[in-house]
Amino acid sequence: MIFAWWDFGLGITGLLIFILLVIVISLVFETIFLKIALSLFKAKHTDFGEVFVTALINALIGWIPCIGCILSWVVINSRHDTGFGTAIVVWLLAIIIGLVITVFIVIAILGLLGLTLSLPWP
């Protein structure tokens, strides 16, 4: 049986609150990953609030096709006083940190459920 959001009695208001909650949580995680990457390169302005604003701006402009990632690099470069190359590396490192942590969380959850990953190679 397929469940939809209205099957849980959330209504439109509950759905909007859920969407807003997911957006805020994802921004907080993006901020944490970006802060870790920025601190590895001794960048300036690495307070949580300043990095949160950077993550918010990157989330708003990052979806623009072709130039979204370039604009994200410019934002990181200008807000945290890094070089352009360092901004690219910080941006990539924040993505990699997020992916690695996600993989570890999925493996941990699968392990807690007693499931294993069956890889196609020995």
C-alpha atoms as a PDB file:
ATOM      1  CA  MET A   1       0.000   0.000   0.000  1.00  0.00           C
ATOM      2  CA  ILE A   2       1.286   3.451  -0.865  1.00  0.00           C
ATOM      3  CA  PHE A   3       0.934   6.157   1.747  1.00  0.00           C
ATOM      4  CA  ALA A   4       0.597   9.823   0.994  1.00  0.00           C
ATOM      5  CA  TRP A   5       1.064  12.777   3.317  1.00  0.00           C
ATOM      6  CA  TRP A   6      -2.693  13.181   3.762  1.00  0.00           C
ATOM      7  CA  ASP A   7      -2.980   9.593   5.050  1.00  0.00           C
ATOM      8  CA  PHE A   8      -1.244  10.690   8.238  1.00  0.00           C
ATOM      9  CA  GLY A   9      -3.701  13.497   8.960  1.00  0.00           C
ATOM     10  CA  LEU A  10      -1.174  16.262   8.485  1.00  0.00           C
ATOM     11  CA  GLY A  11      -3.282  18.499   6.302  1.00  0.00           C
ATOM     12  CA  ILE A  12      -1.850  21.347   4.281  1.00  0.00           C
ATOM     13  CA  THR A  13      -0.527  23.180   7.345  1.00  0.00           C
ATOM     14  CA  GLY A  14       1.237  20.086   8.618  1.00  0.00           C
ATOM     15  CA  LEU A  15       2.738  19.464   5.200  1.00  0.00           C
ATOM     16  CA  LEU A  16       4.077  23.022   4.975  1.00  0.00           C
ATOM     17  CA  ILE A  17       5.544  22.790   8.477  1.00  0.00           C
ATOM     18  CA  PHE A  18       7.175  19.475   7.562  1.00  0.00           C
ATOM     19  CA  ILE A  19       8.684  20.960   4.380  1.00  0.00           C
ATOM     20  CA  LEU A  20       9.974  23.986   6.305  1.00  0.00           C
ATOM     21  CA  LEU A  21      11.468  21.708   8.952  1.00  0.00           C
ATOM     22  CA  VAL A  22      13.267  19.628   6.317  1.00  0.00           C
ATOM     23  CA  ILE A  23      14.671  22.788   4.699  1.00  0.00           C
ATOM     24  CA  VAL A  24      15.933  24.180   8.008  1.00  0.00           C
ATOM     25  CA  ILE A  25      17.504  20.859   9.036  1.00  0.00           C
ATOM     26  CA  SER A  26      19.244  20.494   5.673  1.00  0.00           C
ATOM     27  CA  LEU A  27      20.571  24.067   5.968  1.00  0.00           C
ATOM     28  CA  VAL A  28      21.941  23.312   9.437  1.00  0.00           C
ATOM     29  CA  PHE A  29      23.717  20.196   8.152  1.00  0.00           C
ATOM     30  CA  GLU A  30      25.069  22.088   5.147  1.00  0.00           C
ATOM     31  CA  THR A  31      26.319  24.772   7.540  1.00  0.00           C
ATOM     32  CA  ILE A  32      28.110  22.196   9.681  1.00  0.00           C
ATOM     33  CA  PHE A  33      29.810  20.587   6.663  1.00  0.00           C
ATOM     34  CA  LEU A  34      30.810  23.969   5.230  1.00  0.00           C
ATOM     35  CA  LYS A  35      32.132  25.096   8.621  1.00  0.00           C
ATOM     36  CA  ILE A  36      34.295  21.982   8.895  1.00  0.00           C
ATOM     37  CA  ALA A  37      35.664  22.517   5.383  1.00  0.00           C
ATOM     38  CA  LEU A  38      36.330  26.209   6.021  1.00  0.00           C
ATOM     39  CA  SER A  39      38.102  25.497   9.300  1.00  0.00           C
ATOM     40  CA  LEU A  40      40.449  23.048   7.557  1.00  0.00           C
ATOM     41  CA  PHE A  41      41.701  25.933   5.404  1.00  0.00           C
ATOM     42  CA  LYS A  42      41.870  28.490   8.230  1.00  0.00           C
ATOM     43  CA  ALA A  43      39.361  30.749   6.498  1.00  0.00           C
ATOM     44  CA  LYS A  44      38.068  33.916   8.129  1.00  0.00           C
ATOM     45  CA  HIS A  45      34.545  34.519   9.409  1.00  0.00           C
ATOM     46  CA  THR A  46      33.795  30.918  10.392  1.00  0.00           C
ATOM     47  CA  ASP A  47      31.250  31.649  13.122  1.00  0.00           C
ATOM     48  CA  PHE A  48      28.168  29.474  12.836  1.00  0.00           C
ATOM     49  CA  GLY A  49      25.884  32.396  11.958  1.00  0.00           C
ATOM     50  CA  GLU A  50      28.141  33.678   9.204  1.00  0.00           C
ATOM     51  CA  VAL A  51      28.553  30.206   7.729  1.00  0.00           C
ATOM     52  CA  PHE A  52      24.777  29.691   7.976  1.00  0.00           C
ATOM     53  CA  VAL A  53      24.204  32.820   5.889  1.00  0.00           C
ATOM     54  CA  THR A  54      26.718  31.508   3.343  1.00  0.00           C
ATOM     55  CA  ALA A  55      24.922  28.150   3.243  1.00  0.00           C
ATOM     56  CA  LEU A  56      21.574  29.911   2.822  1.00  0.00           C
ATOM     57  CA  ILE A  57      22.865  32.038  -0.058  1.00  0.00           C
ATOM     58  CA  ASN A  58      24.433  28.946  -1.662  1.00  0.00           C
ATOM     59  CA  ALA A  59      21.133  27.086  -1.325  1.00  0.00           C
ATOM     60  CA  LEU A  60      19.280  29.926  -3.025  1.00  0.00           C
ATOM     61  CA  ILE A  61      21.709  30.325  -5.934  1.00  0.00           C
ATOM     62  CA  GLY A  62      23.036  26.784  -6.211  1.00  0.00           C
ATOM     63  CA  TRP A  63      20.078  25.520  -8.233  1.00  0.00           C
ATOM     64  CA  ILE A  64      20.705  27.931 -11.125  1.00  0.00           C
ATOM     65  CA  PRO A  65      21.848  25.834 -14.110  1.00  0.00           C
ATOM     66  CA  CYS A  66      25.425  26.241 -15.333  1.00  0.00           C
ATOM     67  CA  ILE A  67      26.385  29.192 -13.146  1.00  0.00           C
ATOM     68  CA  GLY A  68      24.988  28.149  -9.754  1.00  0.00           C
ATOM     69  CA  CYS A  69      28.157  26.428  -8.593  1.00  0.00           C
ATOM     70  CA  ILE A  70      30.341  29.264  -9.883  1.00  0.00           C
ATOM     71  CA  LEU A  71      28.213  31.761  -7.949  1.00  0.00           C
ATOM     72  CA  SER A  72      28.547  29.538  -4.867  1.00  0.00           C
ATOM     73  CA  TRP A  73      32.333  29.676  -5.223  1.00  0.00           C
ATOM     74  CA  VAL A  74      32.179  33.464  -5.525  1.00  0.00           C
ATOM     75  CA  VAL A  75      30.023  33.674  -2.387  1.00  0.00           C
ATOM     76  CA  ILE A  76      32.432  31.500  -0.405  1.00  0.00           C
ATOM     77  CA  ASN A  77      35.376  33.479  -1.759  1.00  0.00           C
ATOM     78  CA  SER A  78      33.904  36.870  -0.884  1.00  0.00           C
ATOM     79  CA  ARG A  79      32.296  36.040   2.475  1.00  0.00           C
ATOM     80  CA  HIS A  80      35.205  34.083   3.957  1.00  0.00           C
ATOM     81  CA  ASP A  81      38.219  35.823   2.407  1.00  0.00           C
ATOM     82  CA  THR A  82      39.572  32.754   0.649  1.00  0.00           C
ATOM     83  CA  GLY A  83      41.144  32.529  -2.751  1.00  0.00           C
ATOM     84  CA  PHE A  84      38.995  31.382  -5.646  1.00  0.00           C
ATOM     85  CA  GLY A  85      40.786  28.019  -5.805  1.00  0.00           C
ATOM     86  CA  THR A  86      40.362  27.554  -2.065  1.00  0.00           C
ATOM     87  CA  ALA A  87      36.659  28.366  -2.393  1.00  0.00           C
ATOM     88  CA  ILE A  88      36.283  25.601  -4.987  1.00  0.00           C
ATOM     89  CA  VAL A  89      38.132  23.106  -2.773  1.00  0.00           C
ATOM     90  CA  VAL A  90      36.083  24.118   0.291  1.00  0.00           C
ATOM     91  CA  TRP A  91      32.846  23.708  -1.677  1.00  0.00           C
ATOM     92  CA  LEU A  92      33.886  20.266  -2.948  1.00  0.00           C
ATOM     93  CA  LEU A  93      35.143  19.202   0.475  1.00  0.00           C
ATOM     94  CA  ALA A  94      31.841  20.189   2.113  1.00  0.00           C
ATOM     95  CA  ILE A  95      30.005  17.998  -0.410  1.00  0.00           C
ATOM     96  CA  ILE A  96      32.398  15.073   0.146  1.00  0.00           C
ATOM     97  CA  ILE A  97      32.125  15.362   3.941  1.00  0.00           C
ATOM     98  CA  GLY A  98      28.339  15.293   3.658  1.00  0.00           C
ATOM     99  CA  LEU A  99      28.404  12.246   1.387  1.00  0.00           C
ATOM    100  CA  VAL A 100      30.842  10.325   3.607  1.00  0.00           C
ATOM    101  CA  ILE A 101      28.818  11.022   6.742  1.00  0.00           C
ATOM    102  CA  THR A 102      25.616  10.015   4.936  1.00  0.00           C
ATOM    103  CA  VAL A 103      27.166   6.719   3.814  1.00  0.00           C
ATOM    104  CA  PHE A 104      28.335   5.970   7.370  1.00  0.00           C
ATOM    105  CA  ILE A 105      24.882   6.740   8.773  1.00  0.00           C
ATOM    106  CA  VAL A 106      23.194   4.473   6.195  1.00  0.00           C
ATOM    107  CA  ILE A 107      25.649   1.643   6.935  1.00  0.00           C
ATOM    108  CA  ALA A 108      25.081   2.090  10.686  1.00  0.00           C
ATOM    109  CA  ILE A 109      21.297   2.005  10.268  1.00  0.00           C
ATOM    110  CA  LEU A 110      21.523  -1.083   8.079  1.00  0.00           C
ATOM    111  CA  GLY A 111      23.778  -2.704  10.673  1.00  0.00           C
ATOM    112  CA  LEU A 112      21.315  -1.921  13.452  1.00  0.00           C
ATOM    113  CA  LEU A 113      18.545  -3.478  11.376  1.00  0.00           C
ATOM    114  CA  GLY A 114      20.665  -6.570  10.808  1.00  0.00           C
ATOM    115  CA  LEU A 115      20.987  -5.995   7.086  1.00  0.00           C
ATOM    116  CA  THR A 116      24.226  -6.147   5.143  1.00  0.00           C
ATOM    117  CA  LEU A 117      25.325  -4.685   1.856  1.00  0.00           C
ATOM    118  CA  SER A 118      25.843  -7.335  -0.791  1.00  0.00           C
ATOM    119  CA  LEU A 119      28.528  -5.986  -3.073  1.00  0.00           C
ATOM    120  CA  PRO A 120      28.882  -7.371  -6.624  1.00  0.00           C
ATOM    121  CA  TRP A 121      32.583  -8.096  -6.153  1.00  0.00           C
ATOM    122  CA  PRO A 122      34.265 -10.490  -3.710  1.00  0.00           C
END
